Amino acid sequence: MHLKKGDTVVVISGRKEDRGKTGEVTRTFPKEGKAIVAGINNKVRHTKPSMANPQGGRIEREAPLPVAKLMVVCQACNKPSRLKAMFVDNKKFRACKRCGEQIPEKVKD
């Protein structure tokens, strides 16, 4: 999978409301080939009243998107780009195909 948690991505195809929007990947599902992007592909779930939520109502949350519909935004050239794998000192990292700049890894919390 070319996406990782914390990457900034742009939606290249899909619903008109979401196409062209950018956001940060909050979670990935490699086996399904999907990812959740903050603020994109919001779905509404209607819930019955329960002990945890006595009022019930509508809960809005992000749904997973196929990674084929997402492109990583390069920090250097600030454009959507494909990625390539490069090796420096026997360490593998991801780089932008447009400008060749390294895509920085996010620090895991």
Protein backbone atom coordinates (compact mmCIF):
# COMPACT_ATOMS: atom_id res chain seq x y z
CA MET A 1 0.00 0.00 0.00
CA HIS A 2 1.41 3.39 -0.99
CA LEU A 3 -0.38 5.31 1.78
CA LYS A 4 0.58 5.55 5.42
CA LYS A 5 -1.09 7.08 8.46
CA GLY A 6 -0.42 10.83 8.54
CA ASP A 7 0.01 11.30 4.77
CA THR A 8 -1.69 14.29 3.17
CA VAL A 9 -3.77 13.05 0.23
CA VAL A 10 -6.10 14.44 -2.43
CA VAL A 11 -9.22 12.63 -3.72
CA ILE A 12 -8.86 12.18 -7.49
CA SER A 13 -12.20 10.48 -8.23
CA GLY A 14 -15.49 9.68 -6.56
CA ARG A 15 -18.45 11.71 -5.37
CA LYS A 16 -18.66 15.32 -6.60
CA GLU A 17 -18.67 16.65 -3.03
CA ASP A 18 -15.36 14.94 -2.20
CA ARG A 19 -13.48 15.13 -5.51
CA GLY A 20 -10.49 17.48 -5.28
CA LYS A 21 -10.54 17.75 -1.48
CA THR A 22 -7.41 17.18 0.56
CA GLY A 23 -7.09 15.61 3.99
CA GLU A 24 -4.89 13.55 6.26
CA VAL A 25 -5.00 9.75 6.40
CA THR A 26 -6.14 8.72 9.87
CA ARG A 27 -6.28 4.95 9.39
CA THR A 28 -5.43 2.39 6.72
CA PHE A 29 -6.84 -1.04 5.94
CA PRO A 30 -4.18 -2.79 3.81
CA LYS A 31 -6.07 -6.07 3.37
CA GLU A 32 -9.12 -4.27 1.94
CA GLY A 33 -7.06 -1.63 0.10
CA LYS A 34 -8.91 1.22 1.80
CA ALA A 35 -8.09 4.22 3.98
CA ILE A 36 -9.99 6.71 6.13
CA VAL A 37 -9.29 10.38 5.40
CA ALA A 38 -10.23 13.08 7.92
CA GLY A 39 -13.25 15.14 6.82
CA ILE A 40 -13.85 13.23 3.58
CA ASN A 41 -16.53 10.64 2.64
CA ASN A 42 -18.76 11.43 5.63
CA LYS A 43 -21.66 9.06 6.17
CA VAL A 44 -24.65 9.44 8.51
CA ARG A 45 -25.71 6.55 10.72
CA HIS A 46 -29.11 6.66 12.41
CA THR A 47 -29.02 5.12 15.89
CA LYS A 48 -31.74 3.98 18.25
CA PRO A 49 -31.80 5.32 21.79
CA SER A 50 -29.65 3.18 24.09
CA MET A 51 -28.11 3.36 27.56
CA ALA A 52 -24.90 4.85 26.14
CA ASN A 53 -26.78 7.29 23.90
CA PRO A 54 -30.24 7.88 25.45
CA GLN A 55 -31.19 10.53 22.89
CA GLY A 56 -30.40 8.40 19.82
CA GLY A 57 -30.20 10.32 16.57
CA ARG A 58 -27.78 10.79 13.71
CA ILE A 59 -24.04 10.11 14.03
CA GLU A 60 -21.78 11.43 11.27
CA ARG A 61 -18.42 9.77 10.67
CA GLU A 62 -15.86 9.12 7.92
CA ALA A 63 -16.11 5.95 5.85
CA PRO A 64 -13.16 4.19 4.19
CA LEU A 65 -12.18 5.14 0.62
CA PRO A 66 -10.35 2.91 -1.88
CA VAL A 67 -6.67 3.89 -2.04
CA ALA A 68 -6.87 3.89 -5.85
CA LYS A 69 -8.93 7.09 -5.56
CA LEU A 70 -6.28 8.86 -3.44
CA MET A 71 -2.95 10.47 -4.36
CA VAL A 72 -0.24 11.63 -1.96
CA VAL A 73 0.46 15.39 -1.98
CA CYS A 74 4.21 16.12 -2.11
CA GLN A 75 5.40 18.58 0.57
CA ALA A 76 8.06 20.11 -1.72
CA CYS A 77 6.15 20.71 -4.97
CA ASN A 78 2.70 20.86 -3.26
CA LYS A 79 1.07 18.79 -6.02
CA PRO A 80 -0.50 15.32 -6.14
CA SER A 81 2.18 12.83 -7.09
CA ARG A 82 2.90 9.17 -7.54
CA LEU A 83 5.57 7.68 -5.32
CA LYS A 84 8.74 5.76 -6.02
CA ALA A 85 10.89 3.71 -3.68
CA MET A 86 14.51 4.78 -3.26
CA PHE A 87 17.39 3.36 -1.26
CA VAL A 88 20.03 5.49 0.48
CA ASP A 89 22.56 3.81 2.78
CA ASN A 90 20.51 0.58 2.64
CA LYS A 91 17.43 2.38 3.96
CA LYS A 92 14.25 2.43 1.92
CA PHE A 93 12.16 5.58 1.69
CA ARG A 94 9.38 6.99 -0.46
CA ALA A 95 10.04 9.83 -2.90
CA CYS A 96 7.95 12.05 -5.18
CA LYS A 97 8.05 11.07 -8.86
CA ARG A 98 7.69 14.73 -9.95
CA CYS A 99 10.54 16.38 -8.05
CA GLY A 100 12.40 13.47 -6.43
CA GLU A 101 12.07 14.86 -2.89
CA GLN A 102 11.75 12.41 -0.02
CA ILE A 103 8.29 12.05 1.53
CA PRO A 104 8.90 12.51 5.29
CA GLU A 105 7.74 9.75 7.63
CA LYS A 106 5.36 10.82 10.38
CA VAL A 107 6.39 10.11 13.96
CA LYS A 108 4.25 7.37 15.49
CA ASP A 109 2.45 8.30 18.71
